[in-house]
Protein backbone atom coordinates (compact mmCIF):
# COMPACT_ATOMS: atom_id res chain seq x y z
CA MET A 1 78.18 18.05 82.92
CA THR A 2 76.60 16.39 79.92
CA PRO A 3 78.72 15.44 76.88
CA GLY A 4 77.16 18.26 74.85
CA SER A 5 78.09 20.78 77.51
CA ARG A 6 81.60 19.46 77.54
CA ILE A 7 81.90 19.91 73.78
CA ILE A 8 80.63 23.48 73.92
CA ALA A 9 82.98 24.32 76.80
CA GLY A 10 85.91 22.90 74.85
CA LEU A 11 85.02 25.00 71.82
CA LEU A 12 84.81 28.14 73.98
CA ILE A 13 88.21 27.44 75.47
CA VAL A 14 89.62 27.08 71.95
CA VAL A 15 88.07 30.46 70.99
CA ILE A 16 89.58 32.14 74.06
CA VAL A 17 93.03 30.72 73.38
CA ALA A 18 92.83 31.73 69.72
CA SER A 19 91.72 35.24 70.66
CA PHE A 20 94.59 35.78 73.06
CA ALA A 21 97.02 34.29 70.53
CA PHE A 22 95.80 36.73 67.88
CA LEU A 23 96.06 39.60 70.34
CA PHE A 24 99.69 38.92 71.24
CA GLN A 25 100.60 37.98 67.69
CA GLY A 26 99.43 41.38 66.48
CA SER A 27 101.82 43.09 68.87
CA MET A 28 104.71 41.03 67.53
CA PHE A 29 104.36 42.54 64.05
CA GLU A 30 103.94 46.16 65.09
CA HIS A 31 106.34 48.70 63.59
CA ASP A 32 108.08 49.27 66.90
CA THR A 33 111.72 49.07 65.81
CA ALA A 34 113.56 51.91 64.05
CA LEU A 35 115.81 50.88 61.19
CA LEU A 36 119.57 51.13 61.83
CA SER A 37 119.01 51.61 65.58
CA GLY A 38 117.22 54.90 65.12
CA ALA A 39 119.81 56.59 62.90
CA ALA A 40 118.28 59.40 60.83
CA ILE A 41 117.90 58.59 57.14
CA ASP A 42 117.72 61.63 54.87
CA PRO A 43 114.91 61.77 52.30
CA ALA A 44 117.53 61.69 49.54
CA ASP A 45 118.84 58.35 50.91
CA GLN A 46 115.39 56.89 51.54
CA LYS A 47 114.84 56.34 47.82
CA ALA A 48 117.65 53.80 47.63
CA VAL A 49 116.48 52.15 50.86
CA LEU A 50 112.89 51.76 49.62
CA ALA A 51 114.12 50.43 46.28
CA ALA A 52 116.11 47.76 48.13
CA PHE A 53 113.04 46.78 50.14
CA ALA A 54 110.95 46.55 46.98
CA ALA A 55 113.53 44.33 45.28
CA GLU A 56 113.35 41.88 48.20
CA MET A 57 109.52 42.03 48.44
CA LEU A 58 109.57 43.68 51.87
CA ASP A 59 106.65 46.05 52.32
CA ASP A 60 105.81 45.85 56.02
CA TYR A 61 107.40 49.16 57.05
CA LYS A 62 106.32 52.64 58.02
CA ILE A 63 108.04 56.00 57.37
CA GLU A 64 107.87 58.83 59.91
CA GLY A 65 110.06 61.77 58.97
CA SER A 66 113.66 60.61 58.86
CA GLN A 67 112.89 57.29 60.58
CA ILE A 68 111.79 54.00 59.01
CA TYR A 69 110.02 51.60 61.39
CA ILE A 70 110.06 47.88 60.66
CA PRO A 71 108.77 44.75 62.46
CA ARG A 72 111.07 43.68 65.25
CA GLY A 73 111.18 40.07 64.06
CA LYS A 74 112.22 41.03 60.50
CA ARG A 75 115.01 43.44 61.31
CA ALA A 76 117.74 41.14 59.95
CA GLU A 77 115.91 40.73 56.64
CA TYR A 78 115.57 44.46 56.11
CA VAL A 79 119.21 45.19 56.94
CA ALA A 80 120.35 42.34 54.68
CA ALA A 81 118.34 43.84 51.81
CA MET A 82 120.04 47.20 52.30
CA VAL A 83 123.49 45.61 52.33
CA LYS A 84 122.73 43.51 49.26
CA HIS A 85 121.65 46.50 47.17
CA ASN A 86 124.24 48.93 48.62
CA ALA A 87 121.55 51.11 50.15
CA ILE A 88 123.30 51.86 53.46
CA PRO A 89 123.35 55.69 53.89
CA PRO A 90 126.87 57.03 53.31
CA GLU A 91 128.96 58.56 56.05
CA PHE A 92 131.25 61.59 55.97
CA HIS A 93 134.43 61.24 53.86
CA GLU A 94 133.21 57.92 52.45
CA SER A 95 133.22 59.28 48.89
CA MET A 96 136.76 60.62 49.26
CA GLU A 97 137.95 57.33 50.69
CA GLU A 98 136.51 55.43 47.70
CA ALA A 99 138.16 57.86 45.31
CA VAL A 100 141.55 57.29 46.94
CA GLU A 101 141.12 53.52 47.14
CA ASN A 102 140.13 53.26 43.47
CA ALA A 103 143.20 55.12 42.26
CA ASN A 104 144.82 53.57 39.20
CA PRO A 105 148.44 54.25 38.24
CA PHE A 106 147.53 53.99 34.56
CA GLU A 107 144.81 56.63 34.60
CA SER A 108 145.49 60.13 33.37
CA GLU A 109 146.02 63.07 35.65
CA GLN A 110 142.87 64.73 34.33
CA HIS A 111 140.77 61.64 35.03
CA ARG A 112 142.12 61.35 38.56
CA SER A 113 141.47 65.03 39.23
CA ASP A 114 137.88 64.79 37.94
CA ARG A 115 137.18 61.69 40.04
CA GLN A 116 138.44 63.39 43.20
CA LYS A 117 136.45 66.52 42.33
CA VAL A 118 133.21 64.55 42.04
CA ALA A 119 133.94 62.75 45.31
CA LYS A 120 134.54 66.07 47.06
CA GLU A 121 131.27 67.47 45.72
CA LYS A 122 129.38 64.44 47.06
CA ASP A 123 131.02 64.80 50.45
CA LEU A 124 130.17 68.52 50.67
CA ALA A 125 126.56 67.84 49.67
CA LEU A 126 126.28 65.13 52.31
CA VAL A 127 127.47 67.49 55.05
CA LEU A 128 124.97 70.15 53.96
CA ARG A 129 122.12 67.61 54.00
CA LYS A 130 122.94 66.86 57.62
CA MET A 131 122.29 70.48 58.56
CA ARG A 132 119.02 71.02 60.38
CA GLY A 133 116.22 72.11 58.08
CA ILE A 134 117.82 70.98 54.79
CA GLU A 135 116.24 68.07 52.95
CA PHE A 136 118.34 68.06 49.76
CA ALA A 137 121.67 69.65 48.78
CA SER A 138 123.93 69.57 45.75
CA VAL A 139 127.37 71.19 45.32
CA HIS A 140 129.31 71.91 42.14
CA TYR A 141 132.50 73.91 41.79
CA ASP A 142 134.81 74.78 38.92
CA ILE A 143 138.33 76.09 38.43
CA GLU A 144 139.28 78.32 35.49
CA ASP A 145 142.91 78.83 34.54
CA LYS A 146 143.40 82.42 33.40
CA GLY A 147 147.01 81.87 32.33
CA GLY A 148 149.41 84.82 32.20
CA PHE A 149 152.40 85.41 34.38
CA PRO A 150 152.09 84.58 37.13
CA ARG A 151 149.42 82.03 36.41
CA ARG A 152 146.04 82.90 37.96
CA LYS A 153 143.11 80.60 38.71
CA VAL A 154 139.51 81.60 39.39
CA TYR A 155 137.39 79.40 41.68
CA THR A 156 133.58 79.46 41.65
CA ALA A 157 130.99 77.22 43.31
CA SER A 158 127.21 76.83 43.22
CA VAL A 159 125.07 75.22 45.94
CA VAL A 160 121.46 74.11 45.46
CA VAL A 161 119.40 73.33 48.59
CA ARG A 162 115.79 72.43 49.31
CA PRO A 163 114.61 73.08 52.88
CA LEU A 164 112.15 70.79 54.64
CA GLY A 165 108.53 71.27 53.66
CA SER A 166 107.82 74.75 52.35
CA GLU A 167 110.38 76.54 54.50
CA GLU A 168 112.88 79.03 53.09
CA ILE A 169 116.51 79.47 54.03
CA ASP A 170 117.50 82.63 55.88
CA GLN A 171 120.54 84.85 55.59
CA SER A 172 122.37 83.21 58.48
CA LEU A 173 122.07 79.78 56.88
CA VAL A 174 123.24 81.18 53.52
CA ARG A 175 126.29 82.67 55.24
CA SER A 176 127.06 79.37 56.95
CA ILE A 177 126.81 77.44 53.67
CA ARG A 178 129.09 79.90 51.88
CA ASN A 179 131.72 79.81 54.58
CA TYR A 180 131.71 76.02 54.78
CA VAL A 181 132.07 75.52 51.02
CA ALA A 182 134.66 78.29 50.67
CA TYR A 183 136.88 76.98 53.46
CA SER A 184 136.60 73.41 52.13
CA ILE A 185 138.06 74.35 48.73
CA ALA A 186 141.46 76.04 48.78
CA GLY A 187 141.49 79.33 46.89
CA LEU A 188 137.71 79.82 46.91
CA SER A 189 136.28 82.95 48.55
CA PRO A 190 132.76 83.15 50.04
CA GLU A 191 131.82 85.91 47.56
CA HIS A 192 132.22 83.44 44.71
CA VAL A 193 129.75 80.92 46.17
CA SER A 194 126.11 81.19 45.06
CA VAL A 195 123.31 79.50 47.00
CA THR A 196 119.97 78.66 45.35
CA ASP A 197 116.81 77.92 47.34
CA LEU A 198 114.50 75.57 45.43
CA ASN A 199 111.48 76.43 47.58
CA SER A 200 111.65 80.21 47.23
CA ARG A 201 113.37 80.11 43.79
CA ARG A 202 115.88 82.68 44.98
CA THR A 203 119.60 82.75 44.34
CA PHE A 204 122.00 84.40 46.78
CA SER A 205 124.91 85.37 44.55
CA GLY A 206 127.32 86.52 47.23
CA ASP A 207 127.02 90.24 46.49
CA VAL A 208 129.06 92.10 49.07
CA GLU A 209 126.73 95.09 48.69
CA SER A 210 123.67 93.19 49.89
CA PRO A 211 122.24 94.18 53.30
CA ALA A 212 123.05 90.76 54.68
CA GLU A 213 126.74 91.30 53.99
CA ASP A 214 126.82 94.90 55.23
CA ALA A 215 129.18 95.30 58.16
CA TYR A 216 127.09 98.04 59.76
CA ALA A 217 123.89 95.96 59.75
CA ALA A 218 125.65 92.88 61.10
CA ARG A 219 127.35 94.84 63.90
CA LYS A 220 124.11 96.65 64.79
CA GLN A 221 122.21 93.37 65.05
CA PHE A 222 124.94 91.85 67.22
CA PHE A 223 125.02 94.70 69.75
CA GLU A 224 121.23 94.92 69.95
CA GLY A 225 120.94 91.20 70.67
CA ALA A 226 123.72 91.32 73.27
CA TRP A 227 122.19 94.23 75.20
CA GLN A 228 118.70 92.80 74.95
CA ASP A 229 119.80 89.51 76.49
CA LYS A 230 121.74 91.30 79.22
CA ILE A 231 118.88 93.60 80.21
CA ALA A 232 116.28 90.82 80.03
CA ALA A 233 118.42 88.73 82.36
CA ALA A 234 118.60 91.61 84.83
CA LEU A 235 114.78 92.04 84.78
CA ASN A 236 113.80 88.39 84.74
CA TYR A 237 112.12 88.77 88.15
CA ILE A 238 109.27 90.64 86.41
CA ASP A 239 106.77 88.23 84.93
CA GLY A 240 105.91 89.17 81.33
CA VAL A 241 108.54 91.91 80.91
CA ASN A 242 109.56 92.76 77.35
CA VAL A 243 112.81 94.49 76.35
CA THR A 244 113.54 96.21 73.02
CA VAL A 245 116.94 97.76 72.24
CA ASN A 246 118.02 100.12 69.46
CA VAL A 247 121.73 100.76 68.93
CA GLU A 248 123.24 103.56 66.83
CA LEU A 249 126.83 102.93 65.78
CA ASP A 250 129.65 105.29 64.94
CA ARG A 251 129.95 105.08 61.16
CA LYS A 252 133.73 105.48 61.14
CA MET A 253 135.63 102.41 60.09
CA ASN A 254 139.06 101.47 61.45
CA GLN A 255 141.03 104.68 62.07
CA ARG A 256 144.81 104.61 62.62
CA GLU A 257 146.74 107.72 63.73
CA GLU A 258 150.51 108.25 64.00
CA ARG A 259 152.03 111.36 65.64
CA LEU A 260 155.66 112.29 66.31
CA GLU A 261 156.40 114.77 69.09
CA HIS A 262 159.81 116.52 69.66
CA GLY A 263 161.17 117.70 72.97
CA ALA A 264 161.74 121.42 73.73
CA ARG A 265 165.48 121.18 74.75
CA PRO A 266 168.02 119.47 72.49
CA ILE A 267 170.67 117.17 73.90
CA ALA A 268 174.28 117.36 72.50
CA LEU A 269 175.61 113.99 71.58
CA LEU A 270 178.83 114.84 69.59
CA THR A 271 180.93 118.08 69.34
CA SER A 272 183.85 118.55 66.90
CA ALA A 273 186.10 121.67 66.37
CA GLU A 274 188.58 122.33 63.52
CA LYS A 275 191.00 125.31 63.04
CA ARG A 276 193.25 125.92 59.98
CA THR A 277 195.84 128.76 59.32
CA GLU A 278 197.43 129.33 55.85
CA MET A 279 200.19 131.94 54.85
CA ASN A 280 201.47 132.59 51.26
CA LYS A 281 204.46 134.74 50.01
CA THR A 282 204.67 135.55 46.28
CA PRO A 283 207.76 137.52 44.79
CA ARG A 284 207.12 140.37 42.38
CA GLU A 285 208.17 140.09 38.68
CA GLY A 286 209.80 142.88 36.43
CA GLY A 287 212.43 145.75 37.01
CA ARG A 288 212.44 148.88 38.91
CA PRO A 289 209.68 151.11 37.86
CA GLY A 290 210.36 154.66 36.57
CA LEU A 291 212.32 156.48 33.76
CA ALA A 292 215.68 155.86 35.23
CA ALA A 293 215.32 152.21 34.79
CA GLN A 294 214.35 152.69 31.16
CA ALA A 295 217.28 154.95 30.13
CA PRO A 296 219.74 153.54 27.51
CA ASN A 297 223.25 152.37 28.28
CA GLN A 298 222.48 151.80 31.91
CA GLN A 299 224.62 149.51 33.98
CA ALA A 300 222.85 146.33 34.78
CA GLU A 301 222.10 145.91 38.39
CA LEU A 302 220.31 143.38 40.34
CA THR A 303 217.46 144.61 42.36
CA THR A 304 215.31 142.67 44.71
CA ALA A 305 211.62 143.50 44.78
CA PRO A 306 209.75 142.85 47.91
CA ALA A 307 207.51 139.66 47.89
CA ARG A 308 203.74 139.63 48.39
CA GLU A 309 202.52 137.98 51.53
CA SER A 310 198.97 136.56 52.27
CA SER A 311 197.61 134.66 55.23
CA MET A 312 194.27 132.92 55.93
CA GLU A 313 192.93 131.47 59.11
CA GLU A 314 189.82 129.18 59.18
CA SER A 315 188.10 127.58 62.15
CA ARG A 316 185.04 125.29 62.19
CA GLU A 317 183.10 123.78 65.04
CA GLU A 318 180.32 121.13 64.66
CA THR A 319 177.95 119.92 67.33
CA ALA A 320 175.54 116.96 66.81
CA SER A 321 172.52 117.15 69.09
CA VAL A 322 169.10 115.46 69.23
CA THR A 323 165.79 116.26 70.81
CA ASP A 324 163.29 113.97 72.59
CA LYS A 325 161.02 112.24 70.06
CA THR A 326 157.73 110.48 70.96
CA LEU A 327 155.90 108.38 68.37
CA LEU A 328 152.23 108.03 69.21
CA LEU A 329 150.21 105.31 67.47
CA SER A 330 146.48 105.11 68.08
CA GLU A 331 143.86 102.93 66.41
CA THR A 332 140.13 103.40 66.92
CA ALA A 333 137.78 100.43 66.66
CA SER A 334 135.23 100.61 63.90
CA LEU A 335 131.45 100.72 64.22
CA THR A 336 131.36 101.15 67.99
CA PRO A 337 128.07 101.84 69.83
CA GLN A 338 127.44 105.55 69.98
CA GLN A 339 123.95 105.66 71.44
CA VAL A 340 121.78 102.93 72.96
CA ARG A 341 118.06 103.34 73.63
CA VAL A 342 115.98 100.83 75.56
CA VAL A 343 112.23 100.36 75.82
CA VAL A 344 110.97 98.20 78.71
CA THR A 345 107.33 97.09 78.78
CA VAL A 346 105.88 95.98 82.14
CA PRO A 347 102.44 94.33 82.52
CA GLN A 348 99.93 96.34 84.54
CA ASP A 349 99.02 93.41 86.76
CA TYR A 350 102.61 93.28 88.06
CA TYR A 351 101.87 96.34 90.23
CA GLU A 352 98.75 94.70 91.64
CA ASN A 353 100.78 91.61 92.55
CA ILE A 354 103.24 93.79 94.43
CA TRP A 355 100.41 95.43 96.38
CA HIS A 356 98.89 92.05 97.26
CA LYS A 357 102.26 90.82 98.53
CA GLN A 358 102.68 93.95 100.65
CA ASN A 359 99.11 93.78 101.96
CA PRO A 360 98.15 90.12 102.35
CA PRO A 361 94.55 89.54 103.39
CA ALA A 362 93.72 88.20 106.82
CA LEU A 363 93.22 84.49 107.26
CA GLY A 364 89.88 83.57 105.81
CA ALA A 365 89.19 87.07 104.47
CA GLN A 366 88.62 87.87 100.83
CA ALA A 367 91.32 89.77 98.92
CA THR A 368 90.46 93.40 98.10
CA LYS A 369 91.46 95.46 95.07
CA PRO A 370 94.03 98.26 95.59
CA ASP A 371 93.26 101.92 95.11
CA ALA A 372 94.26 103.58 91.81
CA GLY A 373 96.42 106.15 93.60
CA VAL A 374 98.34 103.45 95.43
CA LEU A 375 98.92 101.56 92.18
CA LYS A 376 100.18 104.75 90.54
CA LYS A 377 102.72 105.24 93.32
CA ILE A 378 103.91 101.63 93.03
CA GLU A 379 104.18 102.05 89.26
CA GLU A 380 106.41 105.11 89.61
CA GLU A 381 108.67 103.33 92.09
CA VAL A 382 109.01 100.30 89.83
CA LYS A 383 109.81 102.49 86.80
CA LYS A 384 112.55 104.34 88.68
CA SER A 385 114.03 101.06 89.86
CA ILE A 386 114.06 99.66 86.31
CA GLU A 387 115.62 102.82 84.90
CA SER A 388 118.39 102.69 87.49
CA GLN A 389 119.18 99.07 86.70
CA VAL A 390 119.16 99.52 82.93
CA VAL A 391 121.26 102.69 82.90
CA THR A 392 124.13 100.91 84.66
CA LEU A 393 124.25 98.40 81.79
CA LEU A 394 124.44 101.03 79.03
CA PRO A 395 127.60 102.84 77.84
CA PRO A 396 128.35 106.03 79.82
CA GLN A 397 127.12 109.35 78.49
CA PRO A 398 129.34 112.45 78.12
CA PRO A 399 129.66 114.53 81.30
CA GLY A 400 126.67 116.77 81.84
CA ASP A 401 124.24 114.71 79.76
CA ASP A 402 121.26 113.08 81.42
CA PRO A 403 121.54 109.30 80.91
CA TYR A 404 117.92 108.51 81.77
CA PRO A 405 116.34 109.58 78.45
CA GLN A 406 118.00 106.48 77.03
CA VAL A 407 115.54 104.29 78.96
CA HIS A 408 111.80 104.41 78.51
CA VAL A 409 109.58 102.24 80.74
CA THR A 410 105.93 101.80 79.83
CA SER A 411 103.05 99.82 81.30
CA VAL A 412 100.61 97.77 79.28
CA THR A 413 97.53 95.77 80.09
CA ARG A 414 98.11 92.11 79.49
CA THR A 415 95.65 90.49 77.11
CA ASP A 416 94.61 87.07 78.26
CA VAL A 417 94.96 84.50 75.54
CA PRO A 418 91.83 82.34 75.40
CA ALA A 419 92.58 78.87 76.60
CA THR A 420 92.30 76.15 74.04
CA PRO A 421 89.24 74.07 74.91
CA GLU A 422 90.04 70.53 75.84
CA PRO A 423 88.52 67.86 73.65
CA ALA A 424 85.29 66.36 74.90
CA LEU A 425 85.32 62.99 76.56
CA ALA A 426 83.24 61.52 73.76
CA ASP A 427 85.72 62.69 71.11
CA THR A 428 88.67 61.31 73.08
CA ALA A 429 86.87 58.02 73.59
CA LEU A 430 86.10 57.73 69.88
CA LEU A 431 89.71 58.43 68.94
CA TRP A 432 90.95 55.88 71.43
CA LEU A 433 88.41 53.32 70.27
CA GLY A 434 89.40 53.88 66.64
CA ALA A 435 93.02 53.17 67.46
CA ASN A 436 92.41 50.18 69.77
CA TRP A 437 89.19 48.60 68.47
CA GLN A 438 90.91 45.29 67.69
CA THR A 439 92.17 44.91 71.25
CA VAL A 440 88.78 45.86 72.67
CA ALA A 441 87.05 43.35 70.38
CA MET A 442 89.35 40.53 71.45
CA ILE A 443 88.82 41.32 75.11
CA GLY A 444 85.05 41.39 74.55
CA VAL A 445 85.10 38.01 72.84
CA GLY A 446 87.12 36.55 75.68
CA LEU A 447 84.82 37.94 78.36
CA PHE A 448 81.75 36.74 76.47
CA ALA A 449 83.24 33.25 76.25
CA LEU A 450 83.99 33.23 79.98
CA LEU A 451 80.43 34.34 80.80
CA MET A 452 78.97 31.65 78.55
CA LEU A 453 81.13 29.01 80.21
CA ARG A 454 80.13 30.20 83.66
CA SER A 455 76.45 30.15 82.80
CA MET A 456 76.70 26.65 81.39
CA VAL A 457 78.46 25.39 84.51
CA ASN A 458 75.86 27.00 86.79
CA SER A 459 72.99 25.61 84.71
CA GLN A 460 73.91 21.97 85.52
CA PRO A 461 70.64 20.16 86.47
CA GLU A 462 70.22 19.53 90.15
CA GLU A 463 69.37 16.16 91.58
CA PRO A 464 65.65 15.69 90.84
CA LYS A 465 63.25 15.56 93.72
CA LEU A 466 61.33 12.28 93.65
CA ASP A 467 57.60 12.16 93.94
CA GLN A 468 56.44 11.25 97.40
CA GLY A 469 53.63 9.16 95.94
CA ILE A 470 55.91 6.38 94.74
CA ARG A 471 58.05 6.21 97.85
CA LEU A 472 58.52 2.66 99.15
CA ALA A 473 56.85 1.82 102.41
CA ALA A 474 59.16 1.89 105.36
CA PRO A 475 58.69 1.14 108.99
CA PRO A 476 58.45 4.11 111.37
CA SER A 477 61.83 3.32 112.80
CA MET A 478 63.45 4.09 109.50
CA ASP A 479 62.38 7.75 109.14
CA GLU A 480 65.97 8.86 109.17
CA GLU A 481 66.39 7.04 105.91
CA GLY A 482 63.86 9.21 104.07
CA ASP A 483 66.33 10.27 101.46
CA GLU A 484 67.19 6.70 100.64
CA ALA A 485 63.48 5.97 100.27
CA ASP A 486 63.18 8.91 97.85
CA VAL A 487 65.97 7.46 95.72
CA SER A 488 64.28 4.04 95.77
CA GLY A 489 61.01 5.66 94.77
CA MET A 490 62.76 7.39 91.87
CA LEU A 491 64.20 4.08 90.73
CA LYS A 492 60.82 2.38 91.04
CA LYS A 493 59.13 5.16 89.07
CA ARG A 494 61.73 5.06 86.33
CA PHE A 495 61.60 1.34 85.82
CA THR A 496 57.81 1.02 86.04
CA LYS A 497 57.69 2.67 82.64
CA ASN A 498 57.22 0.45 79.71
CA SER A 499 60.68 -0.47 78.63
CA PRO A 500 61.78 -3.36 76.54
CA ASN A 501 65.16 -3.66 78.27
CA LEU A 502 66.00 -2.76 81.86
CA LYS A 503 69.72 -2.98 81.16
CA ASP A 504 69.57 -0.39 78.37
CA GLU A 505 67.63 1.99 80.58
CA LEU A 506 70.19 1.61 83.33
CA ILE A 507 73.10 2.25 80.91
CA GLU A 508 71.42 5.42 79.59
CA MET A 509 70.83 6.64 83.11
CA VAL A 510 74.48 6.07 84.04
CA ARG A 511 75.60 7.94 80.90
CA GLU A 512 73.38 10.95 81.52
CA ASP A 513 73.87 11.33 85.27
CA PRO A 514 76.46 8.94 86.68
CA ASP A 515 76.46 10.39 90.20
CA THR A 516 72.72 10.04 90.65
CA ALA A 517 72.72 6.54 89.14
CA ALA A 518 75.48 5.43 91.50
CA GLY A 519 73.53 6.70 94.50
CA ILE A 520 70.36 4.93 93.36
CA LEU A 521 72.12 1.63 92.78
CA LYS A 522 73.83 1.88 96.14
CA ASN A 523 70.52 2.44 97.93
CA TRP A 524 68.89 -0.28 95.94
CA ILE A 525 71.55 -2.82 96.87
CA ASN A 526 71.40 -1.81 100.52
CA ALA A 527 67.62 -2.15 100.52
CA ALA A 528 67.77 -5.58 98.94
CA SER A 529 70.21 -6.82 101.49
């Protein structure tokens, strides 16, 4: 290989090494490491994190949802920036812990209460932000002292949330937020918690008369969902079956009944009898009646008038008796299911699949389509089977009523959803090339360099064939040394040229093609000897 070829080959090797170095170096700085070991960072906390990165001049990061991806080799620098600027996302109860740790014995009671109140609001907002679908949340509550005797306090709270994207919060999420805030603050009831949705600009004020808070609607939805899941599980062997349930509830609320029943025959427990006899004698007053007793100058005489006598007899008898008493207490549950109706929809092709399973085609034969009458018979059998299964899952009907009108089975023709066309190969190739063009370019440069090097190595000049006209004369016995004669002829031809210096010509020849020059000199020396 000539010196120029060697220089070019060396330069190509340097290009190849540099290309591969650039290729692997690019992968070292990819955003392949999630910050904080993949812990989710809420959008509200990302502001402080990005501000910390900007303060430390760190801008080689990428945000995807709640994850921040950073270069693997700079992970320590990014975490150190967050710690330096206090941008680590807070954890639960961290605000309350700081409020307790920063307590000062010289601060007023009002100041301490306000500081703990703010810490509690931050902690509640942090928990709400961790709920799925909520991007931002803020909580404020207040306590009003009404005074009086006994003293009465009124608790109210307001919650402001912003769901992810353009979504809106539903009634179930509003109920969950109210319950969580109410049970976190002693004395606060869920009706006094208002929830405001920033996306829909609606405020749920906790009105107990709203449909979402209605007991009948909530119970109806619960029973319908429970029966729908139960029936769908029983019919899951039917591909494409659809179940719809409607439940009518008894509108009576909790009903409590007490009844006291007495026995027909009393039972004597205590009998008492009392008898009293009383006799009185009373003498009469005054003289003998008549004119003789009233005549003058009558001799005094003592007369005894008969006394009055009276007697009384009293008797009393008391009997204490009781009768059998039965106290009956009965309580009826409120809003119980009174009537349940079910609609089951079965795809039409399900009956054809049953017929094909019952009548498999012969080996190698083509499947045939069933007759309409046969399909109708299979459809009726399937409907009866479904009705029998569903009726057993519904509440029993009063005696004499037909339970089957509660279940309605219908057949529908399934509409095939058009398949989404797969992207063309050219589109996929362009997308892949747009994402990996740097890697492809580096590989192309490397392959081009290798091909150039191979072509240069293969293009090395072969040993020149010497002209037969300048071959030195040799005896016939030396025909086997024809090659040596060719080399001698080449040497003779080269040095018969006009040259001022034979030594310089020989040095140039050795520099250009040392192997050929060595062979020529060797043959020349052997010929001279």
